[in-house]
Protein backbone atom coordinates (compact mmCIF):
# COMPACT_ATOMS: atom_id res chain seq x y z
CA UNK A 1 -28.49 22.57 -3.92
CA UNK A 2 -30.35 19.90 -5.46
CA UNK A 3 -29.85 16.53 -4.19
CA UNK A 4 -28.76 15.37 -7.44
CA UNK A 5 -26.08 18.02 -7.36
CA UNK A 6 -24.82 17.01 -3.84
CA UNK A 7 -24.54 13.48 -5.63
CA UNK A 8 -22.70 13.79 -8.14
CA UNK A 9 -20.49 16.31 -6.85
CA UNK A 10 -19.69 13.65 -4.10
CA UNK A 11 -18.90 10.48 -7.08
CA UNK A 12 -17.05 13.13 -8.65
CA UNK A 13 -15.04 14.60 -6.00
CA UNK A 14 -14.28 10.58 -4.39
CA UNK A 15 -13.13 9.48 -8.05
CA UNK A 16 -10.62 12.11 -7.73
CA UNK A 17 -9.37 11.05 -4.21
CA UNK A 18 -9.19 7.13 -5.22
CA UNK A 19 -7.63 8.20 -8.40
CA UNK A 20 -5.21 11.02 -7.43
CA UNK A 21 -4.35 8.87 -4.44
CA UNK A 22 -4.28 5.36 -4.96
CA UNK A 23 -3.05 6.14 -8.46
CA UNK A 24 -0.58 7.81 -7.37
CA UNK A 25 0.77 4.63 -5.74
CA UNK A 26 0.10 2.23 -8.24
CA UNK A 27 1.13 4.28 -11.35
CA UNK A 28 4.13 6.31 -10.13
CA UNK A 29 5.45 5.03 -6.25
CA UNK A 30 7.45 2.14 -7.21
CA UNK A 31 9.37 3.16 -10.62
CA UNK A 32 13.44 2.92 -9.65
CA UNK A 33 14.79 5.63 -9.07
CA UNK A 34 11.58 8.56 -10.21
CA UNK A 35 9.00 6.84 -7.91
CA UNK A 36 7.28 9.32 -5.60
CA UNK A 37 7.35 6.32 -2.63
CA UNK A 38 5.28 6.68 -0.07
CA UNK A 39 5.99 10.44 0.88
CA UNK A 40 4.63 11.44 -2.42
CA UNK A 41 1.53 9.48 -2.35
CA UNK A 42 0.85 10.74 1.08
CA UNK A 43 1.19 14.41 -0.65
CA UNK A 44 -1.29 13.39 -3.53
CA UNK A 45 -3.90 12.28 -1.20
CA UNK A 46 -3.97 15.58 0.44
CA UNK A 47 -3.72 17.48 -2.80
CA UNK A 48 -6.87 15.23 -3.73
CA UNK A 49 -8.78 16.67 -0.98
CA UNK A 50 -7.46 20.56 -0.82
CA UNK A 51 -8.33 20.78 -4.94
CA UNK A 52 -11.65 19.21 -4.45
CA UNK A 53 -12.52 21.24 -1.46
CA UNK A 54 -12.48 24.68 -3.33
CA UNK A 55 -14.15 22.56 -6.01
CA UNK A 56 -16.94 21.26 -4.72
CA UNK A 57 -17.15 22.32 -1.30
CA UNK A 58 -19.68 24.82 -1.97
CA UNK A 59 -21.58 22.01 -3.31
CA UNK A 60 -21.75 19.04 -1.40
CA UNK A 61 -19.40 19.94 1.79
CA UNK A 62 -17.43 17.83 0.00
CA UNK A 63 -16.92 14.69 2.07
CA UNK A 64 -15.58 12.20 0.12
CA UNK A 65 -15.84 9.41 2.89
CA UNK A 66 -18.83 7.71 4.40
CA UNK A 67 -16.60 8.21 7.87
CA UNK A 68 -16.81 11.70 7.31
CA UNK A 69 -20.64 12.08 6.22
CA UNK A 70 -21.27 9.91 9.29
CA UNK A 71 -19.10 11.80 12.06
CA UNK A 72 -20.24 14.99 10.38
CA UNK A 73 -24.17 13.37 11.54
CA UNK A 74 -22.52 12.51 15.06
CA UNK A 75 -21.32 16.52 15.52
CA UNK A 76 -24.24 17.81 14.55
CA UNK A 77 -23.59 19.28 11.28
CA UNK A 78 -25.45 17.02 8.74
CA UNK A 79 -28.90 15.53 7.93
CA UNK A 80 -29.48 11.98 8.86
CA UNK A 81 -31.88 11.69 5.65
CA UNK A 82 -28.95 12.48 3.21
CA UNK A 83 -26.44 10.34 4.40
CA UNK A 84 -27.70 7.36 2.40
CA UNK A 85 -26.93 9.59 -1.01
CA UNK A 86 -23.48 10.53 -0.04
CA UNK A 87 -22.47 7.10 1.00
CA UNK A 88 -23.88 5.59 -1.95
CA UNK A 89 -22.27 8.08 -4.24
CA UNK A 90 -18.84 7.90 -3.03
CA UNK A 91 -18.44 4.44 -3.36
CA UNK A 92 -19.33 4.11 -6.76
CA UNK A 93 -16.75 7.24 -7.23
CA UNK A 94 -14.12 5.18 -5.31
CA UNK A 95 -15.03 2.41 -7.66
CA UNK A 96 -15.30 4.20 -10.96
CA UNK A 97 -11.65 5.28 -9.83
CA UNK A 98 -10.36 1.75 -9.23
CA UNK A 99 -11.69 0.29 -12.99
CA UNK A 100 -9.84 3.61 -14.39
CA UNK A 101 -6.65 2.96 -12.22
CA UNK A 102 -6.94 -0.28 -13.34
CA UNK A 103 -7.23 -0.02 -17.10
CA UNK A 104 -4.17 2.15 -17.56
CA UNK A 105 -2.23 0.14 -15.23
CA UNK A 106 -3.05 -2.88 -17.46
CA UNK A 107 -1.49 -1.02 -20.66
CA UNK A 108 1.89 -1.78 -19.12
CA UNK A 109 3.45 -4.81 -20.61
CA UNK A 110 3.17 -7.50 -17.43
CA UNK A 111 0.67 -6.02 -15.31
CA UNK A 112 -1.39 -8.37 -12.74
CA UNK A 113 -3.41 -7.52 -9.96
CA UNK A 114 -1.24 -8.77 -6.83
CA UNK A 115 -3.49 -9.79 -3.69
CA UNK A 116 -2.10 -6.39 -2.65
CA UNK A 117 -2.65 -4.40 -5.69
CA UNK A 118 -4.18 -0.99 -6.49
CA UNK A 119 -3.79 0.32 -3.05
CA UNK A 120 -5.75 -1.78 -1.13
CA UNK A 121 -5.51 -1.90 2.71
CA UNK A 122 -5.21 -4.41 4.62
CA UNK A 123 -3.84 -6.20 7.88
CA UNK A 124 -1.42 -9.38 8.47
CA UNK A 125 -0.41 -10.37 4.96
CA UNK A 126 -1.55 -7.42 3.42
CA UNK A 127 0.09 -4.77 5.83
CA UNK A 128 2.72 -3.11 3.77
CA UNK A 129 4.69 -4.00 7.04
CA UNK A 130 2.90 -6.80 8.19
CA UNK A 131 1.20 -5.21 11.52
CA UNK A 132 -1.51 -6.80 12.93
CA UNK A 133 -5.71 -6.85 12.85
CA UNK A 134 -5.42 -5.12 16.02
CA UNK A 135 -3.09 -2.77 15.40
CA UNK A 136 -4.83 -1.89 12.39
CA UNK A 137 -8.13 -1.20 13.72
CA UNK A 138 -6.97 1.04 16.58
CA UNK A 139 -4.86 3.02 14.26
CA UNK A 140 -7.62 3.50 11.72
CA UNK A 141 -9.90 4.19 14.54
CA UNK A 142 -7.75 6.90 16.22
CA UNK A 143 -6.62 8.45 12.66
CA UNK A 144 -10.21 8.86 11.90
CA UNK A 145 -11.25 10.56 15.17
CA UNK A 146 -8.39 13.21 14.74
CA UNK A 147 -9.83 13.58 11.16
CA UNK A 148 -12.67 14.28 12.17
CA UNK A 149 -11.58 16.89 14.55
CA UNK A 150 -9.78 18.60 12.18
CA UNK A 151 -12.39 18.85 9.70
CA UNK A 152 -15.25 19.95 12.12
CA UNK A 153 -12.75 22.40 13.97
CA UNK A 154 -11.20 24.27 10.84
CA UNK A 155 -14.84 24.50 9.35
CA UNK A 156 -16.62 26.05 12.68
CA UNK A 157 -17.63 29.29 11.86
CA UNK A 158 -15.46 30.89 14.59
CA UNK A 159 -12.26 29.51 13.01
CA UNK A 160 -10.40 31.46 10.45
CA UNK A 161 -12.33 31.50 7.18
CA UNK A 162 -11.14 30.08 3.86
CA UNK A 163 -8.23 27.98 5.64
CA UNK A 164 -9.95 24.88 6.10
CA UNK A 165 -9.36 22.88 2.87
CA UNK A 166 -5.65 23.41 3.45
CA UNK A 167 -6.13 22.58 6.93
CA UNK A 168 -7.48 18.69 5.83
CA UNK A 169 -5.41 18.17 3.30
CA UNK A 170 -2.17 19.09 5.61
CA UNK A 171 -4.06 16.41 7.78
CA UNK A 172 -4.87 13.87 5.30
CA UNK A 173 -1.19 14.05 4.32
CA UNK A 174 0.38 13.61 8.17
CA UNK A 175 -2.51 10.78 8.48
CA UNK A 176 -0.70 8.93 5.66
CA UNK A 177 3.11 9.78 6.27
CA UNK A 178 1.52 7.54 9.87
CA UNK A 179 -0.41 4.93 8.81
CA UNK A 180 0.83 3.59 5.01
CA UNK A 181 3.40 0.93 6.62
CA UNK A 182 0.47 -0.15 9.08
CA UNK A 183 -2.81 -0.41 6.43
CA UNK A 184 -1.56 1.27 3.68
CA UNK A 185 -4.31 3.75 5.19
CA UNK A 186 -7.75 4.45 4.64
CA UNK A 187 -9.56 6.22 7.38
CA UNK A 188 -12.39 6.27 4.24
CA UNK A 189 -14.37 3.18 3.61
CA UNK A 190 -15.52 4.25 -0.16
CA UNK A 191 -10.82 4.53 -0.78
CA UNK A 192 -10.80 1.04 0.80
CA UNK A 193 -13.95 -0.35 -1.21
CA UNK A 194 -13.24 0.64 -4.86
CA UNK A 195 -10.09 -1.25 -4.98
CA UNK A 196 -10.85 -4.34 -3.07
CA UNK A 197 -13.93 -5.15 -5.27
CA UNK A 198 -11.46 -5.20 -7.95
CA UNK A 199 -8.24 -7.28 -6.46
CA UNK A 200 -10.71 -9.62 -4.65
CA UNK A 201 -10.15 -12.23 -2.53
CA UNK A 202 -7.89 -11.15 1.35
CA UNK A 203 -8.55 -7.76 0.14
CA UNK A 204 -12.28 -7.95 -0.11
CA UNK A 205 -12.36 -10.30 3.14
CA UNK A 206 -11.00 -8.00 5.45
CA UNK A 207 -12.59 -5.05 3.85
CA UNK A 208 -15.12 -4.86 7.17
CA UNK A 209 -12.01 -3.74 9.14
CA UNK A 210 -12.19 -0.39 6.47
CA UNK A 211 -15.23 0.15 7.38
CA UNK A 212 -16.20 -0.35 10.99
CA UNK A 213 -12.77 1.47 12.36
CA UNK A 214 -13.40 4.53 10.57
CA UNK A 215 -16.57 4.69 11.33
CA UNK A 216 -16.18 4.36 14.55
CA UNK A 217 -13.45 7.04 14.42
CA UNK A 218 -15.67 9.10 12.74
CA UNK A 219 -18.66 8.99 15.08
CA UNK A 220 -16.12 9.39 18.24
CA UNK A 221 -14.52 12.35 16.61
CA UNK A 222 -18.15 14.36 15.82
CA UNK A 223 -19.26 13.92 19.08
CA UNK A 224 -16.21 14.86 20.72
CA UNK A 225 -15.75 18.09 18.92
CA UNK A 226 -19.58 18.88 19.11
CA UNK A 227 -19.45 18.70 23.12
CA UNK A 228 -15.65 20.25 22.71
CA UNK A 229 -16.43 23.50 20.40
CA UNK A 230 -20.28 23.99 21.84
CA UNK A 231 -20.63 27.62 22.26
CA UNK A 232 -23.63 27.63 24.98
CA UNK A 233 -25.05 30.95 23.32
CA UNK A 234 -24.95 29.81 20.01
CA UNK A 235 -26.81 26.49 18.14
CA UNK A 236 -24.61 24.16 16.20
CA UNK A 237 -23.26 25.78 13.16
CA UNK A 238 -23.56 23.47 9.76
CA UNK A 239 -20.15 23.20 9.07
CA UNK A 240 -18.66 22.29 5.08
CA UNK A 241 -15.28 22.18 4.36
CA UNK A 242 -15.57 25.54 2.13
């Protein structure tokens, strides 16, 4: 595939991830008696990854996440020269999705963007359950580490074929079930950036953590799986989501 095709696929896929996941939180989670609550939001994020993995996995690998892109590079599955293209496309897609969510949400009378609006990630006052910065950093590193382990393991050429999107999607559901109360769940710098750019203020000030922690976790996960899963008789297998 051409670089332009891969970049566009990542932009579209990341748009869908943020629009489906954050959009479900903004538009559907808080409706009295009918809202999907945080369990529904967790499922929505997982479904975005499953659906896009089957849609664009064969085009770009369906990273949708700078921490995944960098983690796959650390794990020997991705070429460093393509990292900037993927990250730029992912951030643009996430920002466009946040704009789309804001546009639709503003169609409701009385809508205003709160400091924790548009499903931004945060710690302290922006944490849904007021967790500290240290707790937020720890959980983002830990969960992104395991996310990379799931991605690399399920896309290994020795793994059962065709099931990687389901494993990765279910993994993302579990990650959200664990960490929505702590940080509103990032494990994805692009997902954090789009909403934060629109909300501004404290969300933008805290954005550094949601770049640093997932990237650290992604690199550790990539390196760990590369060591754990290495077959001495074969070279590393180039991995994609499908």
